Amino acid sequence: MTRFYATVISVAVSGLLAAGLSAQQSDPKPTPSPRRDPGFFGGVGKDKKDKKERQEEENTRAVAGVVRGENDEVVEGAVVQLKDTKTLKIRSYITKADGVYRFFGLSTNSDYELRADYKNLSSPTKTLSIFDSRKQAVINLKVEPKSAEVAKEEKPGK
């Protein structure tokens, strides 16, 4: 009788092993362990992260635009400066061949000043206000020769 049980057990074990190997070959992804599954305990911790990310997304915005020259051509190599008027931090972006600039992750609680410089050309300063509710603002800049008054102010002495 013992021999009978030993035979049954060995057949069952070999069947299970064969089934397990064929299942692994057809599905290479392992089944996630419930302990490693982030949602196992009802997503505890995950909801807090998602809520924080949502709040950050709600409190941020972006600005983009195109820098154009005197004849409305796009300007490659213009330096666009973004100044946070609250913290006075300045970020810069150098335009590529398409003349486009982009700034992301801007606070909705600050005003920003934008301007572009290219060689001896400069754009007027434009403001992205806290009252501008757009999540993705578009502000195009046009570089022009500096006015005579500005040029006089920049010369030292005389």
N, C-alpha and C. Protein backbone atom coordinates (compact mmCIF):
# COMPACT_ATOMS: atom_id res chain seq x y z
N MET A 1 0.82 -1.18 0.00
CA MET A 1 0.00 0.00 0.00
C MET A 1 0.87 1.25 0.00
N THR A 2 1.94 1.20 0.71
CA THR A 2 2.84 2.33 0.79
C THR A 2 3.43 2.61 -0.59
N ARG A 3 3.69 1.54 -1.31
CA ARG A 3 4.23 1.70 -2.64
C ARG A 3 3.23 2.39 -3.55
N PHE A 4 1.97 2.08 -3.37
CA PHE A 4 0.90 2.70 -4.16
C PHE A 4 0.86 4.22 -3.93
N TYR A 5 0.91 4.63 -2.65
CA TYR A 5 0.88 6.06 -2.32
C TYR A 5 2.13 6.78 -2.85
N ALA A 6 3.25 6.12 -2.78
CA ALA A 6 4.49 6.71 -3.29
C ALA A 6 4.39 6.94 -4.79
N THR A 7 3.79 6.00 -5.50
CA THR A 7 3.62 6.14 -6.94
C THR A 7 2.66 7.28 -7.27
N VAL A 8 1.55 7.35 -6.54
CA VAL A 8 0.56 8.41 -6.76
C VAL A 8 1.17 9.77 -6.49
N ILE A 9 1.92 9.88 -5.42
CA ILE A 9 2.53 11.16 -5.05
C ILE A 9 3.57 11.56 -6.09
N SER A 10 4.40 10.62 -6.56
CA SER A 10 5.42 10.97 -7.55
C SER A 10 4.79 11.39 -8.87
N VAL A 11 3.68 10.74 -9.26
CA VAL A 11 2.98 11.12 -10.49
C VAL A 11 2.38 12.52 -10.33
N ALA A 12 1.80 12.79 -9.17
CA ALA A 12 1.19 14.10 -8.92
C ALA A 12 2.25 15.20 -8.91
N VAL A 13 3.38 14.94 -8.28
CA VAL A 13 4.45 15.93 -8.21
C VAL A 13 5.02 16.19 -9.60
N SER A 14 5.25 15.14 -10.37
CA SER A 14 5.79 15.35 -11.71
C SER A 14 4.78 16.09 -12.59
N GLY A 15 3.50 15.83 -12.40
CA GLY A 15 2.46 16.57 -13.15
C GLY A 15 2.45 18.04 -12.77
N LEU A 16 2.57 18.32 -11.50
CA LEU A 16 2.60 19.72 -11.05
C LEU A 16 3.84 20.44 -11.57
N LEU A 17 4.98 19.76 -11.53
CA LEU A 17 6.20 20.37 -12.03
C LEU A 17 6.10 20.65 -13.53
N ALA A 18 5.56 19.70 -14.27
CA ALA A 18 5.41 19.90 -15.71
C ALA A 18 4.45 21.05 -16.00
N ALA A 19 3.36 21.13 -15.25
CA ALA A 19 2.39 22.21 -15.45
C ALA A 19 3.02 23.55 -15.09
N GLY A 20 3.81 23.57 -14.05
CA GLY A 20 4.46 24.81 -13.64
C GLY A 20 5.47 25.29 -14.65
N LEU A 21 6.24 24.39 -15.23
CA LEU A 21 7.22 24.77 -16.24
C LEU A 21 6.55 25.27 -17.50
N SER A 22 5.47 24.62 -17.92
CA SER A 22 4.79 25.08 -19.13
C SER A 22 4.13 26.43 -18.89
N ALA A 23 3.63 26.66 -17.68
CA ALA A 23 3.02 27.96 -17.38
C ALA A 23 4.08 29.06 -17.37
N GLN A 24 5.28 28.75 -16.87
CA GLN A 24 6.34 29.75 -16.86
C GLN A 24 6.82 30.07 -18.26
N GLN A 25 6.85 29.08 -19.12
CA GLN A 25 7.32 29.31 -20.48
C GLN A 25 6.33 30.15 -21.27
N SER A 26 5.04 29.98 -21.04
CA SER A 26 4.06 30.73 -21.81
C SER A 26 3.85 32.13 -21.25
N ASP A 27 4.05 32.33 -19.95
CA ASP A 27 3.85 33.63 -19.33
C ASP A 27 5.11 33.99 -18.55
N PRO A 28 6.05 34.74 -19.15
CA PRO A 28 7.31 35.02 -18.47
C PRO A 28 7.19 35.97 -17.29
N LYS A 29 6.07 36.71 -17.16
CA LYS A 29 5.93 37.65 -16.05
C LYS A 29 5.51 36.91 -14.78
N PRO A 30 6.23 37.10 -13.69
CA PRO A 30 5.81 36.46 -12.45
C PRO A 30 4.59 37.17 -11.88
N THR A 31 3.78 36.40 -11.19
CA THR A 31 2.61 36.97 -10.55
C THR A 31 3.08 37.78 -9.35
N PRO A 32 2.62 39.03 -9.21
CA PRO A 32 3.10 39.84 -8.10
C PRO A 32 2.63 39.30 -6.76
N SER A 33 3.52 39.37 -5.81
CA SER A 33 3.19 38.94 -4.47
C SER A 33 2.27 39.97 -3.83
N PRO A 34 1.27 39.52 -3.06
CA PRO A 34 0.39 40.50 -2.42
C PRO A 34 1.14 41.46 -1.50
N ARG A 35 2.27 41.03 -0.98
CA ARG A 35 3.04 41.91 -0.09
C ARG A 35 3.73 43.02 -0.86
N ARG A 36 4.07 42.78 -2.13
CA ARG A 36 4.73 43.80 -2.93
C ARG A 36 3.74 44.67 -3.69
N ASP A 37 2.50 44.26 -3.76
CA ASP A 37 1.48 45.01 -4.49
C ASP A 37 1.15 46.28 -3.72
N PRO A 38 1.35 47.48 -4.31
CA PRO A 38 1.12 48.72 -3.58
C PRO A 38 -0.33 48.92 -3.17
N GLY A 39 -1.24 48.25 -3.83
CA GLY A 39 -2.65 48.43 -3.49
C GLY A 39 -3.20 47.36 -2.58
N PHE A 40 -2.34 46.51 -2.02
CA PHE A 40 -2.79 45.38 -1.22
C PHE A 40 -3.58 45.83 0.00
N PHE A 41 -3.16 46.88 0.65
CA PHE A 41 -3.85 47.36 1.84
C PHE A 41 -4.76 48.53 1.50
N GLY A 42 -5.42 48.45 0.39
CA GLY A 42 -6.35 49.50 0.00
C GLY A 42 -5.64 50.75 -0.50
N GLY A 43 -4.40 50.62 -0.93
CA GLY A 43 -3.67 51.77 -1.47
C GLY A 43 -3.19 52.73 -0.41
N VAL A 44 -3.03 52.27 0.83
CA VAL A 44 -2.55 53.15 1.89
C VAL A 44 -1.18 53.69 1.49
N GLY A 45 -1.00 54.98 1.58
CA GLY A 45 0.25 55.61 1.19
C GLY A 45 0.22 56.08 -0.25
N LYS A 46 -0.37 55.31 -1.12
CA LYS A 46 -0.45 55.68 -2.53
C LYS A 46 -1.39 56.86 -2.71
N ASP A 47 -2.51 56.87 -2.00
CA ASP A 47 -3.46 57.97 -2.11
C ASP A 47 -2.84 59.29 -1.67
N LYS A 48 -2.02 59.24 -0.63
CA LYS A 48 -1.37 60.47 -0.17
C LYS A 48 -0.45 61.02 -1.24
N LYS A 49 0.30 60.13 -1.88
CA LYS A 49 1.20 60.57 -2.93
C LYS A 49 0.40 61.14 -4.11
N ASP A 50 -0.65 60.46 -4.50
CA ASP A 50 -1.47 60.94 -5.60
C ASP A 50 -2.08 62.30 -5.27
N LYS A 51 -2.54 62.47 -4.04
CA LYS A 51 -3.15 63.74 -3.62
C LYS A 51 -2.11 64.86 -3.67
N LYS A 52 -0.90 64.57 -3.20
CA LYS A 52 0.16 65.58 -3.22
C LYS A 52 0.51 65.95 -4.65
N GLU A 53 0.62 64.94 -5.53
CA GLU A 53 0.92 65.22 -6.93
C GLU A 53 -0.18 66.05 -7.58
N ARG A 54 -1.44 65.74 -7.25
CA ARG A 54 -2.56 66.52 -7.80
C ARG A 54 -2.50 67.96 -7.32
N GLN A 55 -2.17 68.17 -6.05
CA GLN A 55 -2.07 69.54 -5.53
C GLN A 55 -0.94 70.30 -6.22
N GLU A 56 0.18 69.63 -6.44
CA GLU A 56 1.30 70.28 -7.12
C GLU A 56 0.91 70.64 -8.55
N GLU A 57 0.19 69.73 -9.22
CA GLU A 57 -0.26 70.02 -10.58
C GLU A 57 -1.24 71.18 -10.60
N GLU A 58 -2.11 71.25 -9.60
CA GLU A 58 -3.08 72.33 -9.53
C GLU A 58 -2.41 73.68 -9.26
N ASN A 59 -1.29 73.67 -8.56
CA ASN A 59 -0.60 74.90 -8.18
C ASN A 59 0.55 75.26 -9.12
N THR A 60 0.66 74.57 -10.24
CA THR A 60 1.72 74.90 -11.19
C THR A 60 1.13 75.21 -12.56
N ARG A 61 1.94 75.86 -13.34
CA ARG A 61 1.55 76.21 -14.70
C ARG A 61 2.80 76.27 -15.56
N ALA A 62 2.61 76.50 -16.84
CA ALA A 62 3.73 76.56 -17.78
C ALA A 62 3.53 77.76 -18.69
N VAL A 63 4.62 78.21 -19.27
CA VAL A 63 4.55 79.28 -20.26
C VAL A 63 5.47 78.89 -21.41
N ALA A 64 5.02 79.19 -22.61
CA ALA A 64 5.80 78.90 -23.80
C ALA A 64 5.52 79.98 -24.83
N GLY A 65 6.35 80.05 -25.83
CA GLY A 65 6.13 81.02 -26.89
C GLY A 65 7.21 80.93 -27.93
N VAL A 66 7.14 81.84 -28.89
CA VAL A 66 8.10 81.90 -29.98
C VAL A 66 8.78 83.27 -29.94
N VAL A 67 10.08 83.27 -30.12
CA VAL A 67 10.83 84.52 -30.21
C VAL A 67 10.99 84.84 -31.69
N ARG A 68 10.56 86.05 -32.06
CA ARG A 68 10.64 86.49 -33.46
C ARG A 68 11.51 87.74 -33.54
N GLY A 69 12.09 87.93 -34.73
CA GLY A 69 12.94 89.08 -34.98
C GLY A 69 12.16 90.25 -35.57
N GLU A 70 12.89 91.25 -36.04
CA GLU A 70 12.29 92.47 -36.59
C GLU A 70 11.37 92.19 -37.77
N ASN A 71 11.73 91.22 -38.59
CA ASN A 71 10.94 90.90 -39.79
C ASN A 71 10.04 89.69 -39.58
N ASP A 72 9.68 89.41 -38.34
CA ASP A 72 8.82 88.29 -37.95
C ASP A 72 9.42 86.91 -38.23
N GLU A 73 10.73 86.83 -38.42
CA GLU A 73 11.38 85.53 -38.59
C GLU A 73 11.66 84.95 -37.20
N VAL A 74 11.63 83.61 -37.10
CA VAL A 74 11.94 82.99 -35.81
C VAL A 74 13.43 83.18 -35.53
N VAL A 75 13.77 83.31 -34.26
CA VAL A 75 15.15 83.60 -33.87
C VAL A 75 15.73 82.39 -33.14
N GLU A 76 16.77 81.83 -33.74
CA GLU A 76 17.49 80.73 -33.10
C GLU A 76 18.62 81.32 -32.26
N GLY A 77 18.78 80.83 -31.03
CA GLY A 77 19.87 81.27 -30.18
C GLY A 77 19.53 82.47 -29.30
N ALA A 78 18.26 82.86 -29.27
CA ALA A 78 17.87 83.95 -28.37
C ALA A 78 17.84 83.43 -26.93
N VAL A 79 18.22 84.27 -25.99
CA VAL A 79 18.20 83.90 -24.58
C VAL A 79 16.93 84.49 -23.97
N VAL A 80 16.04 83.60 -23.54
CA VAL A 80 14.79 84.03 -22.89
C VAL A 80 15.00 83.89 -21.39
N GLN A 81 14.73 84.98 -20.67
CA GLN A 81 14.87 84.96 -19.22
C GLN A 81 13.50 85.08 -18.57
N LEU A 82 13.30 84.24 -17.56
CA LEU A 82 12.06 84.23 -16.78
C LEU A 82 12.43 84.60 -15.35
N LYS A 83 11.86 85.69 -14.85
CA LYS A 83 12.18 86.15 -13.49
C LYS A 83 10.95 86.00 -12.61
N ASP A 84 11.10 85.27 -11.51
CA ASP A 84 10.05 85.15 -10.50
C ASP A 84 10.11 86.41 -9.66
N THR A 85 9.07 87.23 -9.70
CA THR A 85 9.11 88.52 -9.00
C THR A 85 9.01 88.37 -7.49
N LYS A 86 8.61 87.20 -7.01
CA LYS A 86 8.53 86.98 -5.56
C LYS A 86 9.88 86.56 -5.00
N THR A 87 10.53 85.58 -5.63
CA THR A 87 11.81 85.07 -5.13
C THR A 87 13.02 85.69 -5.82
N LEU A 88 12.79 86.40 -6.92
CA LEU A 88 13.82 87.02 -7.74
C LEU A 88 14.74 86.02 -8.44
N LYS A 89 14.33 84.75 -8.46
CA LYS A 89 15.10 83.74 -9.19
C LYS A 89 14.89 83.94 -10.69
N ILE A 90 15.97 83.72 -11.44
CA ILE A 90 15.91 83.87 -12.89
C ILE A 90 16.27 82.54 -13.53
N ARG A 91 15.44 82.12 -14.46
CA ARG A 91 15.70 80.92 -15.26
C ARG A 91 15.90 81.35 -16.71
N SER A 92 16.74 80.64 -17.42
CA SER A 92 17.04 80.99 -18.82
C SER A 92 16.78 79.82 -19.74
N TYR A 93 16.48 80.16 -20.98
CA TYR A 93 16.26 79.15 -22.01
C TYR A 93 16.82 79.70 -23.32
N ILE A 94 17.58 78.91 -24.03
CA ILE A 94 18.13 79.32 -25.33
C ILE A 94 17.30 78.65 -26.42
N THR A 95 16.74 79.47 -27.31
CA THR A 95 15.85 78.94 -28.34
C THR A 95 16.62 78.12 -29.37
N LYS A 96 15.93 77.13 -29.91
CA LYS A 96 16.48 76.29 -30.97
C LYS A 96 16.07 76.88 -32.32
N ALA A 97 16.20 76.11 -33.38
CA ALA A 97 15.93 76.58 -34.75
C ALA A 97 14.48 77.03 -34.94
N ASP A 98 13.56 76.46 -34.15
CA ASP A 98 12.14 76.84 -34.29
C ASP A 98 11.79 78.10 -33.51
N GLY A 99 12.72 78.64 -32.73
CA GLY A 99 12.49 79.87 -31.97
C GLY A 99 11.62 79.70 -30.74
N VAL A 100 11.29 78.47 -30.38
CA VAL A 100 10.37 78.20 -29.28
C VAL A 100 11.12 78.14 -27.95
N TYR A 101 10.48 78.66 -26.90
CA TYR A 101 10.98 78.51 -25.53
C TYR A 101 9.86 77.92 -24.68
N ARG A 102 10.24 77.28 -23.56
CA ARG A 102 9.26 76.66 -22.65
C ARG A 102 9.79 76.72 -21.22
N PHE A 103 8.90 77.03 -20.29
CA PHE A 103 9.22 76.96 -18.87
C PHE A 103 8.07 76.21 -18.19
N PHE A 104 8.41 75.18 -17.39
CA PHE A 104 7.42 74.36 -16.71
C PHE A 104 7.55 74.51 -15.20
N GLY A 105 6.54 74.04 -14.47
CA GLY A 105 6.60 74.00 -13.01
C GLY A 105 6.57 75.36 -12.36
N LEU A 106 5.88 76.31 -12.98
CA LEU A 106 5.80 77.66 -12.42
C LEU A 106 4.68 77.75 -11.41
N SER A 107 4.92 78.46 -10.34
CA SER A 107 3.92 78.62 -9.28
C SER A 107 2.78 79.51 -9.76
N THR A 108 1.57 79.17 -9.33
CA THR A 108 0.42 80.02 -9.64
C THR A 108 0.34 81.19 -8.66
N ASN A 109 1.22 81.20 -7.66
CA ASN A 109 1.21 82.25 -6.64
C ASN A 109 2.29 83.30 -6.85
N SER A 110 2.88 83.34 -8.03
CA SER A 110 3.92 84.33 -8.33
C SER A 110 3.67 84.95 -9.69
N ASP A 111 4.08 86.22 -9.81
CA ASP A 111 4.12 86.87 -11.12
C ASP A 111 5.48 86.56 -11.73
N TYR A 112 5.53 86.49 -13.04
CA TYR A 112 6.78 86.23 -13.74
C TYR A 112 6.98 87.28 -14.82
N GLU A 113 8.23 87.70 -14.99
CA GLU A 113 8.58 88.63 -16.06
C GLU A 113 9.40 87.88 -17.09
N LEU A 114 9.05 88.07 -18.36
CA LEU A 114 9.73 87.40 -19.47
C LEU A 114 10.35 88.42 -20.39
N ARG A 115 11.54 88.12 -20.87
CA ARG A 115 12.16 88.96 -21.89
C ARG A 115 13.16 88.12 -22.67
N ALA A 116 13.44 88.55 -23.89
CA ALA A 116 14.38 87.83 -24.75
C ALA A 116 15.47 88.78 -25.21
N ASP A 117 16.68 88.26 -25.32
CA ASP A 117 17.82 89.02 -25.84
C ASP A 117 18.48 88.20 -26.93
N TYR A 118 18.89 88.90 -27.99
CA TYR A 118 19.61 88.25 -29.08
C TYR A 118 20.56 89.27 -29.70
N LYS A 119 21.84 89.00 -29.58
CA LYS A 119 22.88 89.93 -30.05
C LYS A 119 22.59 91.32 -29.50
N ASN A 120 22.39 92.33 -30.34
CA ASN A 120 22.11 93.68 -29.84
C ASN A 120 20.61 93.98 -29.84
N LEU A 121 19.79 92.93 -29.89
CA LEU A 121 18.34 93.10 -29.90
C LEU A 121 17.76 92.64 -28.57
N SER A 122 16.64 93.23 -28.20
CA SER A 122 15.99 92.88 -26.94
C SER A 122 14.48 93.02 -27.09
N SER A 123 13.74 92.22 -26.37
CA SER A 123 12.28 92.34 -26.40
C SER A 123 11.81 93.16 -25.21
N PRO A 124 10.65 93.77 -25.32
CA PRO A 124 10.08 94.41 -24.14
C PRO A 124 9.74 93.32 -23.10
N THR A 125 9.77 93.69 -21.83
CA THR A 125 9.43 92.74 -20.78
C THR A 125 7.92 92.53 -20.76
N LYS A 126 7.53 91.26 -20.71
CA LYS A 126 6.11 90.91 -20.60
C LYS A 126 5.90 90.18 -19.29
N THR A 127 4.70 90.31 -18.72
CA THR A 127 4.41 89.74 -17.41
C THR A 127 3.38 88.62 -17.51
N LEU A 128 3.66 87.53 -16.80
CA LEU A 128 2.68 86.46 -16.59
C LEU A 128 2.17 86.66 -15.17
N SER A 129 0.94 87.11 -15.05
CA SER A 129 0.38 87.53 -13.77
C SER A 129 -0.24 86.36 -13.00
N ILE A 130 -0.33 86.53 -11.68
CA ILE A 130 -1.03 85.53 -10.86
C ILE A 130 -2.51 85.50 -11.21
N PHE A 131 -3.01 86.55 -11.82
CA PHE A 131 -4.42 86.60 -12.20
C PHE A 131 -4.69 85.91 -13.53
N ASP A 132 -3.64 85.51 -14.22
CA ASP A 132 -3.78 84.76 -15.47
C ASP A 132 -3.99 83.30 -15.08
N SER A 133 -5.19 82.78 -15.30
CA SER A 133 -5.55 81.44 -14.82
C SER A 133 -5.18 80.33 -15.79
N ARG A 134 -4.57 80.64 -16.91
CA ARG A 134 -4.21 79.60 -17.88
C ARG A 134 -3.14 78.67 -17.31
N LYS A 135 -3.35 77.37 -17.49
CA LYS A 135 -2.36 76.38 -17.05
C LYS A 135 -1.16 76.36 -18.00
N GLN A 136 -1.41 76.67 -19.28
CA GLN A 136 -0.33 76.71 -20.27
C GLN A 136 -0.46 78.01 -21.04
N ALA A 137 0.19 79.03 -20.53
CA ALA A 137 0.13 80.36 -21.14
C ALA A 137 1.05 80.42 -22.36
N VAL A 138 0.65 81.21 -23.34
CA VAL A 138 1.47 81.43 -24.53
C VAL A 138 1.79 82.92 -24.59
N ILE A 139 3.07 83.23 -24.53
CA ILE A 139 3.53 84.62 -24.61
C ILE A 139 4.65 84.66 -25.65
N ASN A 140 4.36 85.25 -26.79
CA ASN A 140 5.35 85.40 -27.85
C ASN A 140 6.14 86.68 -27.63
N LEU A 141 7.42 86.63 -27.95
CA LEU A 141 8.31 87.77 -27.74
C LEU A 141 8.91 88.20 -29.07
N LYS A 142 9.09 89.52 -29.23
CA LYS A 142 9.69 90.05 -30.45
C LYS A 142 10.90 90.90 -30.07
N VAL A 143 12.07 90.50 -30.58
CA VAL A 143 13.29 91.25 -30.29
C VAL A 143 13.44 92.38 -31.30
N GLU A 144 13.82 93.55 -30.77
CA GLU A 144 13.96 94.77 -31.58
C GLU A 144 15.23 95.48 -31.16
N PRO A 145 15.72 96.40 -31.98
CA PRO A 145 16.88 97.19 -31.55
C PRO A 145 16.53 97.97 -30.29
N LYS A 146 17.51 98.10 -29.42
CA LYS A 146 17.28 98.85 -28.19
C LYS A 146 17.04 100.31 -28.53
N SER A 147 16.12 100.93 -27.80
CA SER A 147 15.80 102.34 -28.06
C SER A 147 16.98 103.22 -27.66
N ALA A 148 17.02 104.44 -28.16
CA ALA A 148 18.13 105.37 -27.90
C ALA A 148 18.24 105.67 -26.41
N GLU A 149 17.09 105.79 -25.70
CA GLU A 149 17.13 106.10 -24.27
C GLU A 149 17.77 104.97 -23.49
N VAL A 150 17.43 103.74 -23.82
CA VAL A 150 18.00 102.60 -23.12
C VAL A 150 19.49 102.51 -23.40
N ALA A 151 19.89 102.76 -24.63
CA ALA A 151 21.31 102.70 -25.00
C ALA A 151 22.11 103.73 -24.22
N LYS A 152 21.56 104.96 -24.01
CA LYS A 152 22.26 106.00 -23.25
C LYS A 152 22.42 105.59 -21.80
N GLU A 153 21.38 104.95 -21.22
CA GLU A 153 21.44 104.53 -19.82
C GLU A 153 22.51 103.48 -19.60
N GLU A 154 22.76 102.64 -20.60
CA GLU A 154 23.72 101.56 -20.44
C GLU A 154 25.16 102.03 -20.56
N LYS A 155 25.42 103.19 -21.19
CA LYS A 155 26.79 103.68 -21.33
C LYS A 155 27.23 104.32 -20.02
N PRO A 156 28.35 103.87 -19.45
CA PRO A 156 28.82 104.45 -18.20
C PRO A 156 29.42 105.84 -18.42
N GLY A 157 29.34 106.66 -17.38
CA GLY A 157 29.95 107.99 -17.44
C GLY A 157 29.11 108.97 -18.23
N LYS A 158 29.73 109.78 -19.01
CA LYS A 158 29.18 110.81 -19.87
C LYS A 158 27.77 111.08 -19.56
